[in-house]
Amino acid sequence: MQDNNILIDFKLSKSKLNQYIQEGIDQYHDTKITMDGYEIHLKKSDNQLTNISARQKSVFADITVAFTFLKNAGLFSVEGEGSISVQLEIKCDIDQNFGLKTTTLLHAYQWEKSPILHVGQLNIPIETLSSCVLNYLKDSLTEKLDKRLSETADIKKIINEQLQQYATNFPVNKKPDLFFNGQLLQVQSGLFREDENEIHLDIWLEISGKISDQPIKFVVTSEPTFYWVDTVLTKNSQHLDIEIS
């Protein structure tokens, strides 16, 4: 593949990814969790900015989860609020058939705003509150986020749509008419890298291409395979067949 490939610098906007993750978190607005007589209500966070980074095959995001808590007990009622910052890791893997699998993990957390009591006196450790929220997120948020990512990122479908649009009798010249047709053979990808605003992925496409003065009348099928690589390919060139009557 060294002498027959095209390099694509795939860019993923951190701000768009932040919006995507925030929308997933906001789905839990006003969710109620019960524990030891307490009701914990998740709510939208005022902090809409998420610290996002990437390395190897993982994307990391520091998310803020805000909540209120309430215990109705007459004169001994308890009411308050707090928020925690949680490090989210989304591990990404793509198999040879372009099946995307993500595994979302919750790592370290810290109090963004320690519990503030508006009414009463808290009679359980504050760590019990955070553990309850974290356990709920582990059981609900991570699984749903992975499911949503796998459903929205149909890589093979995206590739076939692009091939149909740009590599099937694609006009490249007028007078004389010239058409480009291509068949994707293999895709190789490097690991994640990042700058301030975007996450980058170097992708090398191995394509068998032809330029002709007549559109082809048969369907070009592509069943490419995918591989991860940890070394940068040094050459980016494409050999084309040209067929002119």
Protein backbone atom coordinates (compact mmCIF):
# COMPACT_ATOMS: atom_id res chain seq x y z
CA MET A 1 0.00 0.00 0.00
CA GLN A 2 3.03 2.29 0.24
CA ASP A 3 2.81 3.42 -3.42
CA ASN A 4 -0.93 3.35 -4.00
CA ASN A 5 -2.81 5.34 -1.39
CA ILE A 6 -4.57 8.60 -0.64
CA LEU A 7 -4.15 10.34 2.72
CA ILE A 8 -7.20 11.90 4.41
CA ASP A 9 -6.88 14.02 7.53
CA PHE A 10 -10.20 13.22 9.21
CA LYS A 11 -11.20 15.96 11.64
CA LEU A 12 -13.73 15.76 14.45
CA SER A 13 -14.78 19.07 15.99
CA LYS A 14 -14.40 19.10 19.76
CA SER A 15 -17.23 21.61 20.08
CA LYS A 16 -19.61 19.33 18.13
CA LEU A 17 -18.54 16.32 20.19
CA ASN A 18 -19.10 18.38 23.31
CA GLN A 19 -22.63 19.21 22.11
CA TYR A 20 -23.27 15.52 21.36
CA ILE A 21 -22.18 14.40 24.83
CA GLN A 22 -24.06 17.23 26.53
CA GLU A 23 -27.27 16.25 24.73
CA GLY A 24 -26.81 12.71 26.00
CA ILE A 25 -26.40 13.94 29.58
CA ASP A 26 -29.34 16.35 29.35
CA GLN A 27 -31.63 13.41 28.54
CA TYR A 28 -31.40 12.57 32.24
CA HIS A 29 -32.79 15.96 33.29
CA ASP A 30 -35.15 15.48 36.24
CA THR A 31 -34.40 11.77 36.55
CA LYS A 32 -35.21 10.60 40.09
CA ILE A 33 -33.00 8.19 42.05
CA THR A 34 -34.12 6.92 45.46
CA MET A 35 -31.74 5.91 48.24
CA ASP A 36 -32.23 5.51 52.01
CA GLY A 37 -35.29 7.74 52.03
CA TYR A 38 -33.61 10.38 49.86
CA GLU A 39 -34.75 11.45 46.41
CA ILE A 40 -31.92 12.54 44.12
CA HIS A 41 -32.97 14.50 41.04
CA LEU A 42 -30.48 14.94 38.19
CA LYS A 43 -30.70 18.34 36.52
CA LYS A 44 -29.10 20.27 33.69
CA SER A 45 -25.70 21.68 34.53
CA ASP A 46 -25.00 25.37 34.13
CA ASN A 47 -21.56 24.41 32.84
CA GLN A 48 -22.03 23.56 29.16
CA LEU A 49 -18.30 23.38 28.38
CA THR A 50 -16.69 19.96 28.45
CA ASN A 51 -12.93 19.44 28.53
CA ILE A 52 -12.26 17.02 25.65
CA SER A 53 -8.98 15.32 24.74
CA ALA A 54 -7.88 12.25 22.78
CA ARG A 55 -5.00 9.78 22.71
CA GLN A 56 -4.41 6.29 21.33
CA LYS A 57 -7.93 4.97 20.55
CA SER A 58 -9.76 6.82 23.33
CA VAL A 59 -11.61 10.12 23.66
CA PHE A 60 -11.74 11.67 27.14
CA ALA A 61 -14.33 14.16 28.38
CA ASP A 62 -14.72 15.79 31.78
CA ILE A 63 -18.47 16.12 32.28
CA THR A 64 -20.38 17.93 35.02
CA VAL A 65 -23.40 16.26 36.60
CA ALA A 66 -25.62 18.45 38.80
CA PHE A 67 -28.31 17.18 41.15
CA THR A 68 -30.64 18.12 43.98
CA PHE A 69 -31.52 15.88 46.92
CA LEU A 70 -34.57 15.80 49.14
CA LYS A 71 -35.80 13.82 52.14
CA ASN A 72 -39.35 14.50 53.33
CA ALA A 73 -39.48 13.86 57.08
CA GLY A 74 -41.54 16.65 58.61
CA LEU A 75 -39.42 18.74 60.94
CA PHE A 76 -36.41 16.64 60.04
CA SER A 77 -36.68 17.13 56.27
CA VAL A 78 -33.46 17.57 54.30
CA GLU A 79 -33.01 19.51 51.08
CA GLY A 80 -29.93 20.56 49.14
CA GLU A 81 -27.94 20.45 45.91
CA GLY A 82 -24.49 19.69 44.51
CA SER A 83 -22.57 18.79 41.37
CA ILE A 84 -19.66 16.51 40.51
CA SER A 85 -17.15 16.47 37.67
CA VAL A 86 -16.57 13.01 36.18
CA GLN A 87 -13.92 11.88 33.70
CA LEU A 88 -15.54 9.94 30.87
CA GLU A 89 -13.44 7.70 28.60
CA ILE A 90 -14.87 6.50 25.28
CA LYS A 91 -12.74 3.62 23.99
CA CYS A 92 -13.15 3.20 20.23
CA ASP A 93 -12.39 0.17 18.13
CA ILE A 94 -13.11 -0.69 14.49
CA ASP A 95 -12.87 -4.25 13.22
CA GLN A 96 -11.82 -5.37 9.73
CA ASN A 97 -15.43 -5.08 8.50
CA PHE A 98 -15.78 -1.49 9.77
CA GLY A 99 -17.89 -2.45 12.75
CA LEU A 100 -17.54 0.36 15.31
CA LYS A 101 -17.59 -0.61 18.97
CA THR A 102 -17.26 1.87 21.81
CA THR A 103 -16.84 1.18 25.49
CA THR A 104 -17.62 4.13 27.75
CA LEU A 105 -16.04 4.14 31.20
CA LEU A 106 -16.38 6.46 34.18
CA HIS A 107 -13.10 7.20 35.92
CA ALA A 108 -12.10 9.63 38.65
CA TYR A 109 -14.50 12.27 39.90
CA GLN A 110 -14.31 15.34 42.09
CA TRP A 111 -16.86 17.68 43.62
CA GLU A 112 -17.59 20.58 41.30
CA LYS A 113 -19.82 22.05 44.01
CA SER A 114 -19.92 20.29 47.37
CA PRO A 115 -23.42 19.58 48.69
CA ILE A 116 -25.12 22.72 49.97
CA LEU A 117 -27.92 22.24 52.50
CA HIS A 118 -30.94 24.51 52.19
CA VAL A 119 -33.03 22.69 54.80
CA GLY A 120 -32.13 20.30 57.62
CA GLN A 121 -29.00 18.33 58.38
CA LEU A 122 -27.49 15.62 56.19
CA ASN A 123 -27.43 12.34 58.10
CA ILE A 124 -25.51 10.29 55.52
CA PRO A 125 -21.93 10.76 54.24
CA ILE A 126 -21.71 13.04 51.20
CA GLU A 127 -19.72 10.32 49.42
CA THR A 128 -22.83 8.16 49.56
CA LEU A 129 -24.62 10.75 47.41
CA SER A 130 -21.85 10.83 44.82
CA SER A 131 -21.60 7.02 44.75
CA CYS A 132 -25.33 6.76 44.12
CA VAL A 133 -25.15 9.20 41.19
CA LEU A 134 -22.05 7.52 39.73
CA ASN A 135 -23.56 4.04 39.95
CA TYR A 136 -26.67 5.26 38.13
CA LEU A 137 -24.57 6.84 35.38
CA LYS A 138 -22.53 3.65 35.00
CA ASP A 139 -25.67 1.57 34.61
CA SER A 140 -27.55 4.00 32.32
CA LEU A 141 -25.49 6.71 30.64
CA THR A 142 -22.54 4.62 29.46
CA GLU A 143 -24.65 1.86 27.90
CA LYS A 144 -26.99 4.29 26.12
CA LEU A 145 -24.09 6.44 24.87
CA ASP A 146 -22.36 3.39 23.37
CA LYS A 147 -25.62 2.30 21.73
CA ARG A 148 -26.21 5.76 20.29
CA LEU A 149 -22.68 5.99 18.89
CA SER A 150 -22.86 2.57 17.25
CA GLU A 151 -26.23 3.39 15.66
CA THR A 152 -25.21 6.79 14.28
CA ALA A 153 -21.75 5.83 13.01
CA ASP A 154 -22.43 3.31 10.25
CA ILE A 155 -18.97 3.63 8.70
CA LYS A 156 -19.52 1.18 5.85
CA LYS A 157 -22.71 2.96 4.80
CA ILE A 158 -20.91 6.32 4.81
CA ILE A 159 -18.10 4.89 2.68
CA ASN A 160 -20.48 3.36 0.12
CA GLU A 161 -22.44 6.62 -0.16
CA GLN A 162 -19.23 8.57 -0.82
CA LEU A 163 -18.04 6.03 -3.38
CA GLN A 164 -21.39 6.22 -5.16
CA GLN A 165 -21.20 10.01 -5.29
CA TYR A 166 -17.52 10.60 -6.05
CA ALA A 167 -16.17 7.37 -7.54
CA THR A 168 -18.95 6.15 -9.85
CA ASN A 169 -18.89 7.76 -13.31
CA PHE A 170 -17.80 10.99 -11.66
CA PRO A 171 -17.22 13.69 -14.34
CA VAL A 172 -13.71 15.11 -14.13
CA ASN A 173 -13.51 16.93 -17.44
CA LYS A 174 -15.61 18.41 -20.26
CA LYS A 175 -14.67 18.43 -23.94
CA PRO A 176 -13.54 15.75 -23.97
CA ASP A 177 -15.79 14.08 -21.42
CA LEU A 178 -13.80 12.10 -18.88
CA PHE A 179 -15.18 10.01 -16.02
CA PHE A 180 -13.57 8.65 -12.88
CA ASN A 181 -14.45 5.28 -11.35
CA GLY A 182 -12.83 3.85 -8.26
CA GLN A 183 -12.85 0.73 -6.15
CA LEU A 184 -11.84 0.96 -2.51
CA LEU A 185 -9.61 -1.95 -1.54
CA GLN A 186 -8.32 -1.20 1.94
CA VAL A 187 -8.37 1.43 4.67
CA GLN A 188 -5.67 1.97 7.27
CA SER A 189 -5.92 4.37 10.17
CA GLY A 190 -3.49 5.88 12.62
CA LEU A 191 -4.29 6.68 16.24
CA PHE A 192 -6.02 9.77 17.59
CA ARG A 193 -4.13 13.04 17.82
CA GLU A 194 -5.48 16.46 18.70
CA ASP A 195 -5.05 20.21 18.62
CA GLU A 196 -6.93 22.90 20.51
CA ASN A 197 -10.17 22.63 18.52
CA GLU A 198 -10.21 19.25 16.76
CA ILE A 199 -9.43 15.56 17.07
CA HIS A 200 -7.51 14.22 14.06
CA LEU A 201 -7.29 10.78 12.52
CA ASP A 202 -4.93 10.04 9.61
CA ILE A 203 -6.66 7.65 7.20
CA TRP A 204 -5.01 6.05 4.18
CA LEU A 205 -7.24 4.76 1.37
CA GLU A 206 -6.00 2.20 -1.12
CA ILE A 207 -8.04 2.70 -4.28
CA SER A 208 -7.98 1.09 -7.69
CA GLY A 209 -9.00 3.89 -10.07
CA LYS A 210 -9.71 4.38 -13.75
CA ILE A 211 -10.38 7.41 -15.97
CA SER A 212 -12.24 6.82 -19.22
CA ASP A 213 -14.04 8.83 -21.90
CA GLN A 214 -17.13 6.62 -21.59
CA PRO A 215 -19.16 5.99 -18.42
CA ILE A 216 -19.01 2.38 -17.30
CA LYS A 217 -22.24 0.39 -17.54
CA PHE A 218 -21.63 -2.10 -14.74
CA VAL A 219 -21.71 -1.76 -10.97
CA VAL A 220 -18.34 -1.43 -9.24
CA THR A 221 -18.48 -3.20 -5.89
CA SER A 222 -16.19 -2.41 -2.98
CA GLU A 223 -15.68 -4.62 0.04
CA PRO A 224 -12.69 -2.94 1.69
CA THR A 225 -11.03 -4.09 4.91
CA PHE A 226 -9.91 -1.90 7.79
CA TYR A 227 -6.68 -1.99 9.80
CA TRP A 228 -5.15 0.11 12.57
CA VAL A 229 -1.51 1.11 12.11
CA ASP A 230 0.87 2.77 14.55
CA THR A 231 3.43 3.95 11.98
CA VAL A 232 2.91 6.81 9.52
CA LEU A 233 2.99 5.87 5.84
CA THR A 234 5.61 7.99 4.10
CA LYS A 235 4.23 8.04 0.55
CA ASN A 236 0.86 9.24 -0.71
CA SER A 237 0.37 8.64 -4.42
CA GLN A 238 -2.25 7.05 -6.63
CA HIS A 239 -1.76 5.05 -9.82
CA LEU A 240 -4.62 5.39 -12.32
CA ASP A 241 -5.53 3.50 -15.45
CA ILE A 242 -6.65 5.71 -18.35
CA GLU A 243 -8.82 4.27 -21.12
CA ILE A 244 -9.64 6.48 -24.09
CA SER A 245 -11.29 5.26 -27.28
